[in-house]
């Protein structure tokens, strides 16, 4: 990270989406080109990222979506827009929902609050932040300790991973629970760097001190790998647009 980032007062929705069959590529296109322009226009909703999980490291086939809103008022307005109908869905998007339903079977969502020093999506794009792959770490800590974990990541963890060319994309705590969960997202420059990084956690490797620091905080973590969807904002340097649309049958 370069310099001191402006305070981030956004709020995020994080979605783990389970895909049916061989539909992951279609779903990723549907959620970016076919949804993002609508979300931006109607709900002031920005796409923070859409990724596919590397199945050998986690659930499969799965997609991770993250959406950025203008603070809690932005999330509240989004819910009000969507849930004020008897069907609990915006009727203007009935066709979009029907297509999405055919590509996925469910998932799990959480609301995330960023560490104040972590960058919003416009800042990440402006600074050219991008990985060939990403490490997605869900970290569990004792109740009430999520903020302390994020402080340690800022003060110590970033420097440890920077030695491997790995850059922190974002650091968040999960809202609406007992302040016991964080999400860390890291951009990794290439697969060789990832291999070196994982090897460094073992034995007397250079990341053992960082591992032990996390264990001292009674942290437990699950790391899975992600790769960009074709229209991921950090990959293309902008938000997806209507001009990116293609028939799902052609994907």
C-alpha atoms as a PDB file:
ATOM      1  CA  UNK A   1       0.000   0.000   0.000  1.00  0.00           C
ATOM      2  CA  UNK A   2       1.318   3.425  -0.900  1.00  0.00           C
ATOM      3  CA  UNK A   3       1.041   6.249   1.632  1.00  0.00           C
ATOM      4  CA  UNK A   4      -1.927   6.810   3.895  1.00  0.00           C
ATOM      5  CA  UNK A   5      -5.266   6.021   2.290  1.00  0.00           C
ATOM      6  CA  UNK A   6      -8.260   8.297   2.997  1.00  0.00           C
ATOM      7  CA  UNK A   7     -10.639   6.932   5.603  1.00  0.00           C
ATOM      8  CA  UNK A   8     -12.956   4.316   4.103  1.00  0.00           C
ATOM      9  CA  UNK A   9     -16.506   4.750   5.390  1.00  0.00           C
ATOM     10  CA  UNK A  10     -18.152   2.355   2.901  1.00  0.00           C
ATOM     11  CA  UNK A  11     -20.028  -0.836   3.814  1.00  0.00           C
ATOM     12  CA  UNK A  12     -19.852  -4.060   1.810  1.00  0.00           C
ATOM     13  CA  UNK A  13     -21.946  -7.131   1.072  1.00  0.00           C
ATOM     14  CA  UNK A  14     -19.936 -10.330   0.610  1.00  0.00           C
ATOM     15  CA  UNK A  15     -21.604 -13.284  -1.106  1.00  0.00           C
ATOM     16  CA  UNK A  16     -20.515 -16.899  -1.401  1.00  0.00           C
ATOM     17  CA  UNK A  17     -22.569 -18.256  -4.296  1.00  0.00           C
ATOM     18  CA  UNK A  18     -22.909 -21.967  -5.080  1.00  0.00           C
ATOM     19  CA  UNK A  19     -23.118 -22.624  -8.812  1.00  0.00           C
ATOM     20  CA  UNK A  20     -25.060 -25.375 -10.553  1.00  0.00           C
ATOM     21  CA  UNK A  21     -23.356 -27.592 -13.104  1.00  0.00           C
ATOM     22  CA  UNK A  22     -21.043 -25.945 -15.625  1.00  0.00           C
ATOM     23  CA  UNK A  23     -22.609 -22.502 -15.253  1.00  0.00           C
ATOM     24  CA  UNK A  24     -19.891 -20.579 -13.440  1.00  0.00           C
ATOM     25  CA  UNK A  25     -18.704 -18.605 -16.482  1.00  0.00           C
ATOM     26  CA  UNK A  26     -22.306 -17.722 -17.390  1.00  0.00           C
ATOM     27  CA  UNK A  27     -23.089 -16.667 -13.838  1.00  0.00           C
ATOM     28  CA  UNK A  28     -19.987 -14.465 -13.566  1.00  0.00           C
ATOM     29  CA  UNK A  29     -20.963 -12.698 -16.791  1.00  0.00           C
ATOM     30  CA  UNK A  30     -24.587 -12.373 -15.666  1.00  0.00           C
ATOM     31  CA  UNK A  31     -23.608 -10.852 -12.305  1.00  0.00           C
ATOM     32  CA  UNK A  32     -21.169  -8.357 -13.832  1.00  0.00           C
ATOM     33  CA  UNK A  33     -22.300  -7.187 -17.287  1.00  0.00           C
ATOM     34  CA  UNK A  34     -26.019  -7.816 -16.710  1.00  0.00           C
ATOM     35  CA  UNK A  35     -26.279  -6.659 -13.080  1.00  0.00           C
ATOM     36  CA  UNK A  36     -23.629  -4.048 -12.319  1.00  0.00           C
ATOM     37  CA  UNK A  37     -24.978  -1.315 -14.652  1.00  0.00           C
ATOM     38  CA  UNK A  38     -28.439  -1.758 -13.075  1.00  0.00           C
ATOM     39  CA  UNK A  39     -27.074  -1.744  -9.541  1.00  0.00           C
ATOM     40  CA  UNK A  40     -25.058   1.404 -10.160  1.00  0.00           C
ATOM     41  CA  UNK A  41     -28.017   3.263 -11.664  1.00  0.00           C
ATOM     42  CA  UNK A  42     -30.731   2.164  -9.234  1.00  0.00           C
ATOM     43  CA  UNK A  43     -28.868   1.595  -5.977  1.00  0.00           C
ATOM     44  CA  UNK A  44     -25.532   3.414  -6.167  1.00  0.00           C
ATOM     45  CA  UNK A  45     -23.977  -0.053  -5.797  1.00  0.00           C
ATOM     46  CA  UNK A  46     -20.424  -0.632  -7.007  1.00  0.00           C
ATOM     47  CA  UNK A  47     -18.863  -3.964  -7.838  1.00  0.00           C
ATOM     48  CA  UNK A  48     -15.860  -4.461  -5.558  1.00  0.00           C
ATOM     49  CA  UNK A  49     -15.072  -7.824  -7.120  1.00  0.00           C
ATOM     50  CA  UNK A  50     -16.384 -11.052  -8.626  1.00  0.00           C
ATOM     51  CA  UNK A  51     -14.096 -14.066  -8.440  1.00  0.00           C
ATOM     52  CA  UNK A  52     -14.160 -17.799  -9.006  1.00  0.00           C
ATOM     53  CA  UNK A  53     -12.823 -19.992  -6.215  1.00  0.00           C
ATOM     54  CA  UNK A  54      -9.968 -22.403  -6.883  1.00  0.00           C
ATOM     55  CA  UNK A  55     -11.816 -25.615  -6.130  1.00  0.00           C
ATOM     56  CA  UNK A  56      -8.836 -27.496  -4.752  1.00  0.00           C
ATOM     57  CA  UNK A  57      -8.674 -24.941  -1.910  1.00  0.00           C
ATOM     58  CA  UNK A  58     -12.372 -24.706  -0.980  1.00  0.00           C
ATOM     59  CA  UNK A  59     -15.966 -25.346  -2.011  1.00  0.00           C
ATOM     60  CA  UNK A  60     -16.665 -25.777  -5.703  1.00  0.00           C
ATOM     61  CA  UNK A  61     -18.036 -24.655  -8.034  1.00  0.00           C
ATOM     62  CA  UNK A  62     -18.351 -21.345  -6.238  1.00  0.00           C
ATOM     63  CA  UNK A  63     -18.234 -17.605  -6.958  1.00  0.00           C
ATOM     64  CA  UNK A  64     -17.407 -14.804  -4.527  1.00  0.00           C
ATOM     65  CA  UNK A  65     -19.169 -11.456  -5.085  1.00  0.00           C
ATOM     66  CA  UNK A  66     -18.446  -8.267  -3.162  1.00  0.00           C
ATOM     67  CA  UNK A  67     -20.487  -5.067  -3.439  1.00  0.00           C
ATOM     68  CA  UNK A  68     -19.596  -1.604  -2.165  1.00  0.00           C
ATOM     69  CA  UNK A  69     -22.201   0.803  -0.766  1.00  0.00           C
ATOM     70  CA  UNK A  70     -22.131   4.377   0.526  1.00  0.00           C
ATOM     71  CA  UNK A  71     -22.069   3.435   4.209  1.00  0.00           C
ATOM     72  CA  UNK A  72     -24.951   2.013   6.210  1.00  0.00           C
ATOM     73  CA  UNK A  73     -27.441   4.434   4.605  1.00  0.00           C
ATOM     74  CA  UNK A  74     -26.480   2.985   1.231  1.00  0.00           C
ATOM     75  CA  UNK A  75     -27.056  -0.595   2.365  1.00  0.00           C
ATOM     76  CA  UNK A  76     -30.364   0.382   3.979  1.00  0.00           C
ATOM     77  CA  UNK A  77     -31.527   2.080   0.773  1.00  0.00           C
ATOM     78  CA  UNK A  78     -30.545  -1.008  -1.216  1.00  0.00           C
ATOM     79  CA  UNK A  79     -32.613  -3.268   1.041  1.00  0.00           C
ATOM     80  CA  UNK A  80     -35.549  -0.854   0.995  1.00  0.00           C
ATOM     81  CA  UNK A  81     -35.489  -0.836  -2.804  1.00  0.00           C
ATOM     82  CA  UNK A  82     -35.393  -4.629  -3.070  1.00  0.00           C
ATOM     83  CA  UNK A  83     -37.678  -5.682  -0.227  1.00  0.00           C
ATOM     84  CA  UNK A  84     -40.584  -3.240  -0.455  1.00  0.00           C
ATOM     85  CA  UNK A  85     -42.433  -5.521  -2.912  1.00  0.00           C
ATOM     86  CA  UNK A  86     -44.792  -8.393  -1.946  1.00  0.00           C
ATOM     87  CA  UNK A  87     -42.495 -10.814  -3.765  1.00  0.00           C
ATOM     88  CA  UNK A  88     -39.426  -9.441  -1.891  1.00  0.00           C
ATOM     89  CA  UNK A  89     -37.852  -8.843  -5.298  1.00  0.00           C
ATOM     90  CA  UNK A  90     -37.841  -5.807  -7.568  1.00  0.00           C
ATOM     91  CA  UNK A  91     -40.357  -6.697 -10.334  1.00  0.00           C
ATOM     92  CA  UNK A  92     -38.283  -4.746 -12.854  1.00  0.00           C
ATOM     93  CA  UNK A  93     -35.598  -7.413 -12.388  1.00  0.00           C
ATOM     94  CA  UNK A  94     -37.827 -10.493 -12.615  1.00  0.00           C
ATOM     95  CA  UNK A  95     -36.191 -11.608 -15.850  1.00  0.00           C
ATOM     96  CA  UNK A  96     -32.711 -11.094 -14.422  1.00  0.00           C
ATOM     97  CA  UNK A  97     -33.561 -13.082 -11.278  1.00  0.00           C
ATOM     98  CA  UNK A  98     -35.041 -15.915 -13.317  1.00  0.00           C
ATOM     99  CA  UNK A  99     -31.861 -16.224 -15.353  1.00  0.00           C
ATOM    100  CA  UNK A 100     -29.689 -16.062 -12.218  1.00  0.00           C
ATOM    101  CA  UNK A 101     -31.779 -18.741 -10.508  1.00  0.00           C
ATOM    102  CA  UNK A 102     -31.015 -21.170 -13.302  1.00  0.00           C
ATOM    103  CA  UNK A 103     -27.269 -20.741 -12.761  1.00  0.00           C
ATOM    104  CA  UNK A 104     -26.958 -20.989  -8.948  1.00  0.00           C
ATOM    105  CA  UNK A 105     -28.442 -23.015  -6.102  1.00  0.00           C
ATOM    106  CA  UNK A 106     -27.934 -20.737  -3.089  1.00  0.00           C
ATOM    107  CA  UNK A 107     -25.161 -19.308  -0.980  1.00  0.00           C
ATOM    108  CA  UNK A 108     -24.225 -17.400   2.151  1.00  0.00           C
ATOM    109  CA  UNK A 109     -23.908 -13.624   2.624  1.00  0.00           C
ATOM    110  CA  UNK A 110     -22.349 -11.368   5.239  1.00  0.00           C
ATOM    111  CA  UNK A 111     -22.103  -7.598   5.680  1.00  0.00           C
ATOM    112  CA  UNK A 112     -18.584  -6.255   6.085  1.00  0.00           C
ATOM    113  CA  UNK A 113     -17.247  -3.045   7.599  1.00  0.00           C
ATOM    114  CA  UNK A 114     -13.790  -2.069   6.298  1.00  0.00           C
ATOM    115  CA  UNK A 115     -10.817  -1.143   8.406  1.00  0.00           C
ATOM    116  CA  UNK A 116     -10.728   2.675   8.065  1.00  0.00           C
ATOM    117  CA  UNK A 117      -7.372   2.523   6.246  1.00  0.00           C
ATOM    118  CA  UNK A 118      -8.408  -0.052   3.630  1.00  0.00           C
ATOM    119  CA  UNK A 119      -9.067   1.265   0.115  1.00  0.00           C
ATOM    120  CA  UNK A 120     -12.438   1.424  -1.683  1.00  0.00           C
ATOM    121  CA  UNK A 121     -12.709  -0.010  -5.170  1.00  0.00           C
ATOM    122  CA  UNK A 122     -12.113   3.310  -6.954  1.00  0.00           C
ATOM    123  CA  UNK A 123      -8.848   3.705  -5.061  1.00  0.00           C
ATOM    124  CA  UNK A 124      -7.741   0.160  -5.863  1.00  0.00           C
ATOM    125  CA  UNK A 125      -8.436   0.711  -9.560  1.00  0.00           C
ATOM    126  CA  UNK A 126      -6.657   4.084  -9.570  1.00  0.00           C
ATOM    127  CA  UNK A 127      -3.565   2.510  -8.009  1.00  0.00           C
ATOM    128  CA  UNK A 128      -3.569  -0.437 -10.408  1.00  0.00           C
ATOM    129  CA  UNK A 129      -3.971  -3.078  -7.702  1.00  0.00           C
ATOM    130  CA  UNK A 130      -4.429  -6.511  -9.234  1.00  0.00           C
ATOM    131  CA  UNK A 131      -3.389 -10.098  -8.627  1.00  0.00           C
ATOM    132  CA  UNK A 132      -2.909 -13.055 -10.908  1.00  0.00           C
ATOM    133  CA  UNK A 133      -4.734 -14.742  -8.039  1.00  0.00           C
ATOM    134  CA  UNK A 134      -6.005 -13.723  -4.611  1.00  0.00           C
ATOM    135  CA  UNK A 135      -5.899 -15.186  -1.114  1.00  0.00           C
ATOM    136  CA  UNK A 136      -9.278 -14.919   0.620  1.00  0.00           C
ATOM    137  CA  UNK A 137      -8.860 -15.415   4.368  1.00  0.00           C
ATOM    138  CA  UNK A 138     -11.766 -15.699   6.794  1.00  0.00           C
ATOM    139  CA  UNK A 139     -10.284 -15.250  10.260  1.00  0.00           C
ATOM    140  CA  UNK A 140     -12.083 -16.143  13.479  1.00  0.00           C
ATOM    141  CA  UNK A 141     -11.009 -14.469  16.738  1.00  0.00           C
ATOM    142  CA  UNK A 142     -12.474 -14.404  20.273  1.00  0.00           C
ATOM    143  CA  UNK A 143     -15.607 -12.226  20.543  1.00  0.00           C
ATOM    144  CA  UNK A 144     -14.850  -8.523  20.568  1.00  0.00           C
ATOM    145  CA  UNK A 145     -11.350  -8.925  19.080  1.00  0.00           C
ATOM    146  CA  UNK A 146     -11.949  -8.317  15.365  1.00  0.00           C
ATOM    147  CA  UNK A 147     -10.730  -4.723  15.543  1.00  0.00           C
ATOM    148  CA  UNK A 148      -7.569  -5.790  17.366  1.00  0.00           C
ATOM    149  CA  UNK A 149      -6.845  -8.357  14.670  1.00  0.00           C
ATOM    150  CA  UNK A 150      -7.176  -5.718  11.943  1.00  0.00           C
ATOM    151  CA  UNK A 151      -4.792  -3.442  13.845  1.00  0.00           C
ATOM    152  CA  UNK A 152      -2.182  -6.200  13.956  1.00  0.00           C
ATOM    153  CA  UNK A 153      -2.635  -6.883  10.239  1.00  0.00           C
ATOM    154  CA  UNK A 154      -1.998  -3.196   9.543  1.00  0.00           C
ATOM    155  CA  UNK A 155       0.957  -2.827  11.895  1.00  0.00           C
ATOM    156  CA  UNK A 156       2.683  -6.168  11.248  1.00  0.00           C
ATOM    157  CA  UNK A 157       1.012  -8.426   8.694  1.00  0.00           C
ATOM    158  CA  UNK A 158       1.268  -6.170   5.656  1.00  0.00           C
ATOM    159  CA  UNK A 159       5.056  -6.004   5.983  1.00  0.00           C
ATOM    160  CA  UNK A 160       5.364  -9.787   6.347  1.00  0.00           C
ATOM    161  CA  UNK A 161       3.469 -10.473   3.126  1.00  0.00           C
ATOM    162  CA  UNK A 162       5.013  -7.585   1.224  1.00  0.00           C
ATOM    163  CA  UNK A 163       8.287  -9.539   1.313  1.00  0.00           C
ATOM    164  CA  UNK A 164       6.616 -12.023  -1.061  1.00  0.00           C
ATOM    165  CA  UNK A 165       5.240  -9.334  -3.362  1.00  0.00           C
ATOM    166  CA  UNK A 166       1.756  -9.894  -1.901  1.00  0.00           C
ATOM    167  CA  UNK A 167      -0.393  -6.787  -1.435  1.00  0.00           C
ATOM    168  CA  UNK A 168      -3.320  -6.297   0.886  1.00  0.00           C
ATOM    169  CA  UNK A 169      -6.446  -5.536  -1.142  1.00  0.00           C
ATOM    170  CA  UNK A 170      -8.851  -5.140   1.756  1.00  0.00           C
ATOM    171  CA  UNK A 171      -9.350  -5.866   5.452  1.00  0.00           C
ATOM    172  CA  UNK A 172     -12.832  -6.066   6.965  1.00  0.00           C
ATOM    173  CA  UNK A 173     -14.742  -7.146  10.057  1.00  0.00           C
ATOM    174  CA  UNK A 174     -18.080  -8.911   9.805  1.00  0.00           C
ATOM    175  CA  UNK A 175     -21.026  -6.880  11.080  1.00  0.00           C
ATOM    176  CA  UNK A 176     -24.164  -8.123  12.860  1.00  0.00           C
ATOM    177  CA  UNK A 177     -22.320 -10.617  15.050  1.00  0.00           C
ATOM    178  CA  UNK A 178     -20.053 -10.552  18.106  1.00  0.00           C
ATOM    179  CA  UNK A 179     -17.028  -8.920  16.462  1.00  0.00           C
ATOM    180  CA  UNK A 180     -15.366 -12.314  16.045  1.00  0.00           C
ATOM    181  CA  UNK A 181     -14.753 -12.578  12.289  1.00  0.00           C
ATOM    182  CA  UNK A 182     -12.577 -10.742   9.773  1.00  0.00           C
ATOM    183  CA  UNK A 183     -12.007 -11.042   6.051  1.00  0.00           C
ATOM    184  CA  UNK A 184      -8.586 -10.374   4.551  1.00  0.00           C
ATOM    185  CA  UNK A 185      -8.092 -10.240   0.800  1.00  0.00           C
ATOM    186  CA  UNK A 186      -4.565 -10.332  -0.658  1.00  0.00           C
ATOM    187  CA  UNK A 187      -3.407  -9.867  -4.268  1.00  0.00           C
ATOM    188  CA  UNK A 188      -0.705 -12.357  -5.286  1.00  0.00           C
ATOM    189  CA  UNK A 189       1.413 -11.522  -8.366  1.00  0.00           C
ATOM    190  CA  UNK A 190       1.816 -15.064  -9.763  1.00  0.00           C
ATOM    191  CA  UNK A 191       1.518 -18.730  -8.882  1.00  0.00           C
ATOM    192  CA  UNK A 192       5.199 -19.080  -8.028  1.00  0.00           C
ATOM    193  CA  UNK A 193       4.831 -16.334  -5.410  1.00  0.00           C
ATOM    194  CA  UNK A 194       1.874 -18.184  -3.930  1.00  0.00           C
ATOM    195  CA  UNK A 195       3.896 -21.399  -3.700  1.00  0.00           C
ATOM    196  CA  UNK A 196       6.721 -19.571  -1.944  1.00  0.00           C
ATOM    197  CA  UNK A 197       4.207 -17.934   0.394  1.00  0.00           C
ATOM    198  CA  UNK A 198       2.590 -21.217   1.424  1.00  0.00           C
ATOM    199  CA  UNK A 199       5.953 -22.913   1.905  1.00  0.00           C
ATOM    200  CA  UNK A 200       7.032 -20.044   4.167  1.00  0.00           C
ATOM    201  CA  UNK A 201       4.372 -20.987   6.755  1.00  0.00           C
ATOM    202  CA  UNK A 202       6.022 -24.364   7.413  1.00  0.00           C
ATOM    203  CA  UNK A 203       8.868 -25.440   9.666  1.00  0.00           C
ATOM    204  CA  UNK A 204      11.172 -22.518  10.346  1.00  0.00           C
ATOM    205  CA  UNK A 205      10.063 -20.564   7.261  1.00  0.00           C
ATOM    206  CA  UNK A 206       9.984 -16.751   7.181  1.00  0.00           C
ATOM    207  CA  UNK A 207       6.247 -16.549   7.892  1.00  0.00           C
ATOM    208  CA  UNK A 208       6.298 -18.700  11.014  1.00  0.00           C
ATOM    209  CA  UNK A 209       6.643 -15.579  13.177  1.00  0.00           C
ATOM    210  CA  UNK A 210       3.503 -14.136  11.579  1.00  0.00           C
ATOM    211  CA  UNK A 211       1.677 -17.443  12.001  1.00  0.00           C
ATOM    212  CA  UNK A 212       2.624 -17.555  15.667  1.00  0.00           C
ATOM    213  CA  UNK A 213       1.552 -13.923  16.138  1.00  0.00           C
ATOM    214  CA  UNK A 214      -1.896 -14.834  14.830  1.00  0.00           C
ATOM    215  CA  UNK A 215      -2.061 -17.892  17.073  1.00  0.00           C
ATOM    216  CA  UNK A 216      -1.144 -15.700  20.051  1.00  0.00           C
ATOM    217  CA  UNK A 217      -4.295 -13.717  19.238  1.00  0.00           C
ATOM    218  CA  UNK A 218      -6.211 -17.028  19.293  1.00  0.00           C
ATOM    219  CA  UNK A 219      -7.013 -16.552  15.631  1.00  0.00           C
ATOM    220  CA  UNK A 220      -8.225 -19.362  13.404  1.00  0.00           C
ATOM    221  CA  UNK A 221      -8.232 -18.861   9.664  1.00  0.00           C
ATOM    222  CA  UNK A 222      -9.384 -20.498   6.471  1.00  0.00           C
ATOM    223  CA  UNK A 223      -7.592 -19.430   3.292  1.00  0.00           C
ATOM    224  CA  UNK A 224      -8.934 -20.193  -0.160  1.00  0.00           C
ATOM    225  CA  UNK A 225      -7.692 -18.954  -3.496  1.00  0.00           C
ATOM    226  CA  UNK A 226      -9.658 -16.846  -5.969  1.00  0.00           C
ATOM    227  CA  UNK A 227      -9.128 -15.874  -9.583  1.00  0.00           C
ATOM    228  CA  UNK A 228     -10.624 -12.902 -11.413  1.00  0.00           C
ATOM    229  CA  UNK A 229     -13.827 -13.134 -13.375  1.00  0.00           C
ATOM    230  CA  UNK A 230     -13.328 -11.717 -16.909  1.00  0.00           C
ATOM    231  CA  UNK A 231     -15.063  -8.424 -15.965  1.00  0.00           C
ATOM    232  CA  UNK A 232     -13.640  -8.016 -12.472  1.00  0.00           C
ATOM    233  CA  UNK A 233     -13.108  -4.259 -11.909  1.00  0.00           C
ATOM    234  CA  UNK A 234      -9.486  -4.659 -10.792  1.00  0.00           C
ATOM    235  CA  UNK A 235      -8.813  -6.746 -13.910  1.00  0.00           C
ATOM    236  CA  UNK A 236     -10.348  -4.364 -16.459  1.00  0.00           C
ATOM    237  CA  UNK A 237      -9.662  -1.107 -14.588  1.00  0.00           C
ATOM    238  CA  UNK A 238     -13.299   0.047 -14.450  1.00  0.00           C
ATOM    239  CA  UNK A 239     -16.820  -1.005 -13.534  1.00  0.00           C
ATOM    240  CA  UNK A 240     -18.585  -3.359 -15.977  1.00  0.00           C
ATOM    241  CA  UNK A 241     -20.826  -1.591 -18.486  1.00  0.00           C
ATOM    242  CA  UNK A 242     -23.841  -2.509 -20.622  1.00  0.00           C
ATOM    243  CA  UNK A 243     -21.526  -2.582 -23.629  1.00  0.00           C
ATOM    244  CA  UNK A 244     -19.848  -5.665 -22.093  1.00  0.00           C
ATOM    245  CA  UNK A 245     -23.032  -7.745 -22.419  1.00  0.00           C
ATOM    246  CA  UNK A 246     -23.120 -10.943 -24.437  1.00  0.00           C
ATOM    247  CA  UNK A 247     -25.806 -13.623 -24.747  1.00  0.00           C
ATOM    248  CA  UNK A 248     -25.396 -16.196 -21.991  1.00  0.00           C
ATOM    249  CA  UNK A 249     -25.811 -18.903 -24.614  1.00  0.00           C
ATOM    250  CA  UNK A 250     -22.545 -17.732 -26.194  1.00  0.00           C
ATOM    251  CA  UNK A 251     -20.545 -18.118 -22.978  1.00  0.00           C
END
